[in-house]
Amino acid sequence: MKVKNLGHVVLRVRDAEASARWYEQVLGLHVTYKIPGRMVFLSSRDDTSHELALMSLGPNAAGPSADRVGLYHIGWQLESLEDLTGLRARLEEQGVRVAGIGDHGISLGVYVFDPDGNELEFFYELPPEEWPSSGDLFTGHFPKPVEV
């Protein structure tokens, strides 16, 4: 057996419909299917049933915690550095607080939190031919000075 790719992520949220509206408005995802009151399925592409599913837990559900085993963040890859810069501007225009920017050597990432406190990374990764040939791939500095 060989795994083809990561197909989707399911997040537990307080209100799947409200969270879906945020993912649509802020990230431009589109709803592909709903199970009213329970789940909403979204995608950034037209050729897949979903990349993200949101499952309602109710308004009193506890939020994510940094001291528990489980998901740290979801990474959404962008096509270009210009797309990443444009996304950051769009996030700020919509009042989404940028929690951080990460220079991972082979990629740059912008980190935010969704309304339920789930962490999201939006990143641009260099083409493999531009990766360092020695040392740690995930440390160091992006090869060009960049303002994200």
N, C-alpha and C. Protein backbone atom coordinates (compact mmCIF):
# COMPACT_ATOMS: atom_id res chain seq x y z
N MET A 1 0.84 -1.18 0.00
CA MET A 1 0.00 0.00 0.00
C MET A 1 0.88 1.24 0.00
N LYS A 2 0.46 2.25 -0.74
CA LYS A 2 1.14 3.54 -0.72
C LYS A 2 0.08 4.62 -0.57
N VAL A 3 0.25 5.49 0.42
CA VAL A 3 -0.68 6.60 0.63
C VAL A 3 -0.55 7.58 -0.52
N LYS A 4 -1.68 8.02 -1.05
CA LYS A 4 -1.69 8.96 -2.17
C LYS A 4 -1.40 10.39 -1.71
N ASN A 5 -2.14 10.88 -0.74
CA ASN A 5 -1.96 12.21 -0.18
C ASN A 5 -2.88 12.37 1.02
N LEU A 6 -2.68 13.46 1.77
CA LEU A 6 -3.59 13.79 2.87
C LEU A 6 -4.87 14.31 2.25
N GLY A 7 -5.97 13.66 2.49
CA GLY A 7 -7.22 14.00 1.82
C GLY A 7 -8.03 15.09 2.48
N HIS A 8 -8.12 15.07 3.81
CA HIS A 8 -8.91 16.10 4.50
C HIS A 8 -8.60 16.10 5.99
N VAL A 9 -9.06 17.15 6.64
CA VAL A 9 -8.94 17.31 8.08
C VAL A 9 -10.33 17.59 8.62
N VAL A 10 -10.67 17.02 9.77
CA VAL A 10 -11.95 17.29 10.43
C VAL A 10 -11.64 18.03 11.74
N LEU A 11 -12.25 19.19 11.89
CA LEU A 11 -12.09 19.98 13.12
C LEU A 11 -13.38 19.97 13.93
N ARG A 12 -13.23 19.81 15.21
CA ARG A 12 -14.37 19.99 16.12
C ARG A 12 -14.47 21.48 16.44
N VAL A 13 -15.65 22.04 16.24
CA VAL A 13 -15.89 23.46 16.49
C VAL A 13 -17.18 23.60 17.29
N ARG A 14 -17.42 24.78 17.80
CA ARG A 14 -18.64 24.99 18.57
C ARG A 14 -19.87 25.03 17.66
N ASP A 15 -19.77 25.73 16.54
CA ASP A 15 -20.90 25.90 15.61
C ASP A 15 -20.37 25.77 14.18
N ALA A 16 -20.63 24.64 13.56
CA ALA A 16 -20.08 24.36 12.23
C ALA A 16 -20.55 25.37 11.19
N GLU A 17 -21.79 25.79 11.26
CA GLU A 17 -22.31 26.74 10.26
C GLU A 17 -21.62 28.11 10.41
N ALA A 18 -21.46 28.59 11.64
CA ALA A 18 -20.79 29.87 11.86
C ALA A 18 -19.32 29.78 11.45
N SER A 19 -18.67 28.68 11.82
CA SER A 19 -17.27 28.50 11.43
C SER A 19 -17.13 28.42 9.91
N ALA A 20 -18.07 27.74 9.26
CA ALA A 20 -18.02 27.64 7.80
C ALA A 20 -18.11 29.02 7.15
N ARG A 21 -18.95 29.88 7.70
CA ARG A 21 -19.04 31.25 7.16
C ARG A 21 -17.69 31.96 7.27
N TRP A 22 -16.99 31.78 8.39
CA TRP A 22 -15.66 32.39 8.56
C TRP A 22 -14.69 31.84 7.52
N TYR A 23 -14.67 30.53 7.35
CA TYR A 23 -13.75 29.92 6.38
C TYR A 23 -14.09 30.35 4.95
N GLU A 24 -15.37 30.57 4.67
CA GLU A 24 -15.76 31.08 3.34
C GLU A 24 -15.32 32.53 3.16
N GLN A 25 -15.65 33.37 4.13
CA GLN A 25 -15.39 34.81 4.00
C GLN A 25 -13.90 35.13 4.08
N VAL A 26 -13.21 34.53 5.01
CA VAL A 26 -11.82 34.88 5.25
C VAL A 26 -10.87 34.15 4.30
N LEU A 27 -11.11 32.86 4.07
CA LEU A 27 -10.18 32.06 3.28
C LEU A 27 -10.64 31.79 1.86
N GLY A 28 -11.91 32.07 1.57
CA GLY A 28 -12.41 31.82 0.23
C GLY A 28 -12.74 30.36 -0.05
N LEU A 29 -12.84 29.53 0.99
CA LEU A 29 -13.27 28.15 0.78
C LEU A 29 -14.74 28.14 0.39
N HIS A 30 -15.19 27.06 -0.21
CA HIS A 30 -16.61 26.96 -0.55
C HIS A 30 -17.19 25.68 0.06
N VAL A 31 -18.46 25.78 0.47
CA VAL A 31 -19.16 24.64 1.07
C VAL A 31 -19.51 23.65 -0.03
N THR A 32 -19.19 22.38 0.21
CA THR A 32 -19.51 21.33 -0.75
C THR A 32 -20.69 20.48 -0.29
N TYR A 33 -20.93 20.43 1.04
CA TYR A 33 -22.03 19.62 1.56
C TYR A 33 -22.27 20.00 3.02
N LYS A 34 -23.54 19.85 3.46
CA LYS A 34 -23.89 20.13 4.86
C LYS A 34 -24.75 18.99 5.41
N ILE A 35 -24.51 18.67 6.65
CA ILE A 35 -25.43 17.86 7.44
C ILE A 35 -25.94 18.83 8.50
N PRO A 36 -27.11 19.42 8.28
CA PRO A 36 -27.59 20.51 9.14
C PRO A 36 -27.48 20.20 10.63
N GLY A 37 -26.91 21.19 11.34
CA GLY A 37 -26.76 21.07 12.78
C GLY A 37 -25.62 20.18 13.23
N ARG A 38 -24.94 19.50 12.28
CA ARG A 38 -23.88 18.57 12.67
C ARG A 38 -22.54 18.84 12.01
N MET A 39 -22.55 18.90 10.64
CA MET A 39 -21.27 19.02 9.94
C MET A 39 -21.40 19.87 8.69
N VAL A 40 -20.26 20.52 8.35
CA VAL A 40 -20.16 21.26 7.10
C VAL A 40 -18.83 20.86 6.45
N PHE A 41 -18.88 20.61 5.14
CA PHE A 41 -17.70 20.19 4.38
C PHE A 41 -17.31 21.32 3.43
N LEU A 42 -16.01 21.65 3.40
CA LEU A 42 -15.53 22.76 2.58
C LEU A 42 -14.31 22.36 1.77
N SER A 43 -14.07 23.12 0.70
CA SER A 43 -12.90 22.87 -0.11
C SER A 43 -12.39 24.17 -0.73
N SER A 44 -11.12 24.18 -1.06
CA SER A 44 -10.54 25.30 -1.80
C SER A 44 -10.53 24.98 -3.30
N ARG A 45 -10.84 23.72 -3.63
CA ARG A 45 -10.75 23.26 -5.02
C ARG A 45 -12.10 22.73 -5.48
N ASP A 46 -12.24 22.60 -6.79
CA ASP A 46 -13.47 22.05 -7.37
C ASP A 46 -13.37 20.56 -7.67
N ASP A 47 -12.18 19.98 -7.54
CA ASP A 47 -11.99 18.60 -7.93
C ASP A 47 -11.95 17.63 -6.75
N THR A 48 -12.46 18.05 -5.60
CA THR A 48 -12.48 17.17 -4.43
C THR A 48 -13.74 17.43 -3.60
N SER A 49 -14.20 16.41 -2.91
CA SER A 49 -15.42 16.57 -2.11
C SER A 49 -15.22 17.52 -0.95
N HIS A 50 -14.04 17.48 -0.33
CA HIS A 50 -13.74 18.39 0.77
C HIS A 50 -12.29 18.23 1.18
N GLU A 51 -11.75 19.30 1.73
CA GLU A 51 -10.43 19.27 2.36
C GLU A 51 -10.56 19.49 3.86
N LEU A 52 -11.67 20.14 4.22
CA LEU A 52 -11.92 20.47 5.62
C LEU A 52 -13.37 20.14 5.94
N ALA A 53 -13.56 19.45 7.07
CA ALA A 53 -14.90 19.21 7.59
C ALA A 53 -14.96 19.82 8.98
N LEU A 54 -16.08 20.43 9.28
CA LEU A 54 -16.30 21.06 10.59
C LEU A 54 -17.43 20.32 11.29
N MET A 55 -17.18 19.91 12.52
CA MET A 55 -18.16 19.15 13.29
C MET A 55 -18.60 19.95 14.50
N SER A 56 -19.89 20.21 14.61
CA SER A 56 -20.44 21.00 15.73
C SER A 56 -20.41 20.22 17.03
N LEU A 57 -19.92 20.88 18.11
CA LEU A 57 -19.93 20.29 19.44
C LEU A 57 -20.88 21.02 20.38
N GLY A 58 -21.26 22.26 20.04
CA GLY A 58 -22.13 23.05 20.91
C GLY A 58 -21.40 24.24 21.48
N PRO A 59 -22.15 25.24 21.95
CA PRO A 59 -21.56 26.51 22.37
C PRO A 59 -20.68 26.45 23.60
N ASN A 60 -20.81 25.42 24.42
CA ASN A 60 -20.03 25.34 25.66
C ASN A 60 -18.81 24.44 25.55
N ALA A 61 -18.49 23.98 24.35
CA ALA A 61 -17.34 23.10 24.18
C ALA A 61 -16.05 23.83 24.51
N ALA A 62 -15.15 23.13 25.18
CA ALA A 62 -13.85 23.71 25.51
C ALA A 62 -13.04 23.89 24.23
N GLY A 63 -12.16 24.89 24.24
CA GLY A 63 -11.32 25.16 23.07
C GLY A 63 -10.05 24.33 23.07
N PRO A 64 -9.26 24.47 22.02
CA PRO A 64 -7.99 23.76 21.93
C PRO A 64 -7.06 24.16 23.09
N SER A 65 -6.15 23.27 23.42
CA SER A 65 -5.21 23.52 24.50
C SER A 65 -3.80 23.12 24.06
N ALA A 66 -2.85 23.98 24.32
CA ALA A 66 -1.46 23.73 23.92
C ALA A 66 -0.80 22.63 24.73
N ASP A 67 -1.41 22.22 25.85
CA ASP A 67 -0.77 21.22 26.69
C ASP A 67 -1.42 19.83 26.56
N ARG A 68 -2.18 19.63 25.48
CA ARG A 68 -2.78 18.32 25.24
C ARG A 68 -2.26 17.75 23.93
N VAL A 69 -2.23 16.44 23.86
CA VAL A 69 -1.87 15.76 22.62
C VAL A 69 -2.96 16.04 21.59
N GLY A 70 -2.58 16.27 20.35
CA GLY A 70 -3.57 16.49 19.31
C GLY A 70 -3.04 17.45 18.26
N LEU A 71 -3.92 17.96 17.48
CA LEU A 71 -3.58 18.82 16.37
C LEU A 71 -2.92 20.12 16.83
N TYR A 72 -1.81 20.50 16.19
CA TYR A 72 -1.15 21.77 16.47
C TYR A 72 -1.67 22.84 15.51
N HIS A 73 -1.57 22.56 14.21
CA HIS A 73 -2.15 23.49 13.23
C HIS A 73 -2.38 22.78 11.90
N ILE A 74 -3.14 23.44 11.05
CA ILE A 74 -3.37 22.98 9.68
C ILE A 74 -2.61 23.92 8.77
N GLY A 75 -1.87 23.38 7.81
CA GLY A 75 -1.10 24.20 6.87
C GLY A 75 -1.76 24.23 5.50
N TRP A 76 -2.07 25.43 5.02
CA TRP A 76 -2.64 25.63 3.69
C TRP A 76 -1.54 26.20 2.80
N GLN A 77 -1.18 25.47 1.76
CA GLN A 77 -0.10 25.90 0.87
C GLN A 77 -0.63 26.86 -0.20
N LEU A 78 0.12 27.93 -0.42
CA LEU A 78 -0.22 28.89 -1.46
C LEU A 78 0.75 28.75 -2.63
N GLU A 79 0.33 29.22 -3.80
CA GLU A 79 1.10 29.06 -5.03
C GLU A 79 2.36 29.91 -5.08
N SER A 80 2.32 31.11 -4.46
CA SER A 80 3.45 32.03 -4.63
C SER A 80 3.63 32.88 -3.39
N LEU A 81 4.79 33.50 -3.31
CA LEU A 81 5.07 34.44 -2.24
C LEU A 81 4.14 35.64 -2.33
N GLU A 82 3.81 36.06 -3.54
CA GLU A 82 2.87 37.17 -3.73
C GLU A 82 1.49 36.81 -3.18
N ASP A 83 1.06 35.55 -3.38
CA ASP A 83 -0.23 35.12 -2.82
C ASP A 83 -0.20 35.19 -1.30
N LEU A 84 0.93 34.80 -0.70
CA LEU A 84 1.05 34.84 0.76
C LEU A 84 0.98 36.27 1.27
N THR A 85 1.68 37.17 0.60
CA THR A 85 1.66 38.58 0.97
C THR A 85 0.25 39.15 0.83
N GLY A 86 -0.42 38.81 -0.26
CA GLY A 86 -1.80 39.27 -0.48
C GLY A 86 -2.76 38.72 0.55
N LEU A 87 -2.57 37.46 0.93
CA LEU A 87 -3.43 36.86 1.96
C LEU A 87 -3.25 37.57 3.28
N ARG A 88 -2.02 37.87 3.63
CA ARG A 88 -1.80 38.56 4.91
C ARG A 88 -2.53 39.90 4.92
N ALA A 89 -2.45 40.65 3.84
CA ALA A 89 -3.16 41.93 3.76
C ALA A 89 -4.66 41.72 3.88
N ARG A 90 -5.19 40.69 3.22
CA ARG A 90 -6.62 40.40 3.28
C ARG A 90 -7.05 40.01 4.69
N LEU A 91 -6.24 39.21 5.37
CA LEU A 91 -6.56 38.82 6.74
C LEU A 91 -6.65 40.05 7.63
N GLU A 92 -5.67 40.95 7.50
CA GLU A 92 -5.66 42.15 8.33
C GLU A 92 -6.84 43.06 8.00
N GLU A 93 -7.21 43.18 6.71
CA GLU A 93 -8.37 43.98 6.32
C GLU A 93 -9.65 43.45 6.96
N GLN A 94 -9.73 42.13 7.13
CA GLN A 94 -10.92 41.50 7.71
C GLN A 94 -10.85 41.39 9.23
N GLY A 95 -9.82 41.98 9.81
CA GLY A 95 -9.72 41.99 11.26
C GLY A 95 -9.20 40.70 11.87
N VAL A 96 -8.61 39.83 11.07
CA VAL A 96 -8.05 38.58 11.59
C VAL A 96 -6.64 38.88 12.07
N ARG A 97 -6.40 38.62 13.35
CA ARG A 97 -5.09 38.90 13.92
C ARG A 97 -4.07 37.87 13.45
N VAL A 98 -2.97 38.36 12.90
CA VAL A 98 -1.87 37.48 12.53
C VAL A 98 -1.11 37.16 13.81
N ALA A 99 -1.07 35.88 14.17
CA ALA A 99 -0.45 35.46 15.41
C ALA A 99 1.06 35.35 15.29
N GLY A 100 1.55 35.17 14.06
CA GLY A 100 2.98 35.05 13.89
C GLY A 100 3.35 34.79 12.44
N ILE A 101 4.64 34.97 12.18
CA ILE A 101 5.20 34.67 10.87
C ILE A 101 6.40 33.77 11.10
N GLY A 102 6.47 32.68 10.36
CA GLY A 102 7.56 31.73 10.53
C GLY A 102 8.42 31.63 9.29
N ASP A 103 9.72 31.76 9.49
CA ASP A 103 10.69 31.53 8.42
C ASP A 103 11.26 30.15 8.68
N HIS A 104 10.89 29.19 7.84
CA HIS A 104 11.28 27.81 8.05
C HIS A 104 12.41 27.37 7.12
N GLY A 105 13.11 28.33 6.55
CA GLY A 105 14.21 27.98 5.66
C GLY A 105 13.73 27.65 4.26
N ILE A 106 12.91 26.61 4.14
CA ILE A 106 12.38 26.24 2.82
C ILE A 106 11.00 26.84 2.56
N SER A 107 10.43 27.49 3.58
CA SER A 107 9.10 28.07 3.43
C SER A 107 8.93 29.24 4.38
N LEU A 108 7.94 30.07 4.05
CA LEU A 108 7.49 31.16 4.92
C LEU A 108 6.05 30.90 5.26
N GLY A 109 5.68 31.11 6.52
CA GLY A 109 4.31 30.87 6.95
C GLY A 109 3.73 32.03 7.72
N VAL A 110 2.43 32.26 7.53
CA VAL A 110 1.67 33.24 8.29
C VAL A 110 0.68 32.43 9.13
N TYR A 111 0.64 32.70 10.44
CA TYR A 111 -0.18 31.93 11.37
C TYR A 111 -1.32 32.77 11.92
N VAL A 112 -2.52 32.18 11.95
CA VAL A 112 -3.71 32.83 12.50
C VAL A 112 -4.51 31.78 13.28
N PHE A 113 -5.53 32.25 13.99
CA PHE A 113 -6.46 31.36 14.70
C PHE A 113 -7.85 31.57 14.15
N ASP A 114 -8.60 30.47 13.99
CA ASP A 114 -10.00 30.59 13.57
C ASP A 114 -10.83 30.98 14.79
N PRO A 115 -12.14 31.22 14.64
CA PRO A 115 -12.95 31.67 15.78
C PRO A 115 -12.98 30.72 16.97
N ASP A 116 -12.68 29.44 16.76
CA ASP A 116 -12.67 28.47 17.86
C ASP A 116 -11.29 28.26 18.46
N GLY A 117 -10.29 29.00 17.96
CA GLY A 117 -8.93 28.89 18.48
C GLY A 117 -8.07 27.85 17.80
N ASN A 118 -8.56 27.27 16.69
CA ASN A 118 -7.73 26.32 15.93
C ASN A 118 -6.70 27.11 15.14
N GLU A 119 -5.45 26.68 15.23
CA GLU A 119 -4.37 27.40 14.54
C GLU A 119 -4.26 26.97 13.09
N LEU A 120 -4.07 27.96 12.22
CA LEU A 120 -3.92 27.74 10.78
C LEU A 120 -2.64 28.38 10.32
N GLU A 121 -1.94 27.70 9.43
CA GLU A 121 -0.75 28.28 8.80
C GLU A 121 -1.03 28.38 7.31
N PHE A 122 -0.65 29.50 6.72
CA PHE A 122 -0.68 29.69 5.28
C PHE A 122 0.76 29.86 4.87
N PHE A 123 1.22 29.03 3.92
CA PHE A 123 2.64 29.05 3.63
C PHE A 123 2.93 28.98 2.14
N TYR A 124 4.10 29.52 1.81
CA TYR A 124 4.68 29.36 0.48
C TYR A 124 5.95 28.57 0.66
N GLU A 125 6.08 27.47 -0.07
CA GLU A 125 7.26 26.63 0.00
C GLU A 125 8.08 26.79 -1.27
N LEU A 126 9.38 26.97 -1.08
CA LEU A 126 10.28 27.06 -2.22
C LEU A 126 10.23 25.79 -3.06
N PRO A 127 10.49 25.88 -4.35
CA PRO A 127 10.61 24.67 -5.17
C PRO A 127 11.77 23.82 -4.65
N PRO A 128 11.67 22.49 -4.73
CA PRO A 128 12.71 21.61 -4.18
C PRO A 128 14.12 21.92 -4.68
N GLU A 129 14.24 22.38 -5.91
CA GLU A 129 15.59 22.69 -6.42
C GLU A 129 16.23 23.88 -5.71
N GLU A 130 15.46 24.64 -4.94
CA GLU A 130 16.00 25.76 -4.18
C GLU A 130 16.22 25.43 -2.71
N TRP A 131 15.92 24.20 -2.30
CA TRP A 131 16.15 23.80 -0.92
C TRP A 131 17.65 23.69 -0.67
N PRO A 132 18.08 23.91 0.58
CA PRO A 132 19.51 23.75 0.89
C PRO A 132 19.95 22.31 0.63
N SER A 133 21.17 22.15 0.15
CA SER A 133 21.68 20.81 -0.14
C SER A 133 22.30 20.15 1.09
N SER A 134 22.51 20.92 2.16
CA SER A 134 23.05 20.34 3.38
C SER A 134 22.44 21.05 4.58
N GLY A 135 22.54 20.44 5.73
CA GLY A 135 22.01 21.03 6.95
C GLY A 135 20.53 20.71 7.13
N ASP A 136 19.94 21.41 8.08
CA ASP A 136 18.54 21.20 8.43
C ASP A 136 17.64 21.99 7.47
N LEU A 137 16.72 21.31 6.82
CA LEU A 137 15.81 21.97 5.87
C LEU A 137 14.90 23.00 6.54
N PHE A 138 14.60 22.80 7.82
CA PHE A 138 13.59 23.63 8.46
C PHE A 138 14.13 24.70 9.40
N THR A 139 15.42 25.01 9.28
CA THR A 139 15.96 26.12 10.05
C THR A 139 16.71 27.04 9.10
N GLY A 140 17.14 28.14 9.61
CA GLY A 140 17.84 29.08 8.75
C GLY A 140 16.87 30.16 8.30
N HIS A 141 17.27 30.88 7.31
CA HIS A 141 16.46 32.01 6.85
C HIS A 141 16.09 31.83 5.40
N PHE A 142 14.92 32.31 5.09
CA PHE A 142 14.46 32.31 3.71
C PHE A 142 15.56 32.95 2.87
N PRO A 143 15.86 32.40 1.69
CA PRO A 143 17.04 32.85 0.94
C PRO A 143 17.02 34.31 0.48
N LYS A 144 15.85 34.92 0.40
CA LYS A 144 15.78 36.32 -0.02
C LYS A 144 15.16 37.14 1.10
N PRO A 145 15.58 38.38 1.30
CA PRO A 145 14.88 39.22 2.28
C PRO A 145 13.43 39.40 1.83
N VAL A 146 12.50 39.11 2.73
CA VAL A 146 11.08 39.11 2.36
C VAL A 146 10.26 39.86 3.40
N GLU A 147 9.34 40.65 2.96
CA GLU A 147 8.35 41.31 3.81
C GLU A 147 7.02 40.64 3.56
N VAL A 148 6.54 39.85 4.52
CA VAL A 148 5.26 39.16 4.35
C VAL A 148 4.18 39.96 5.04
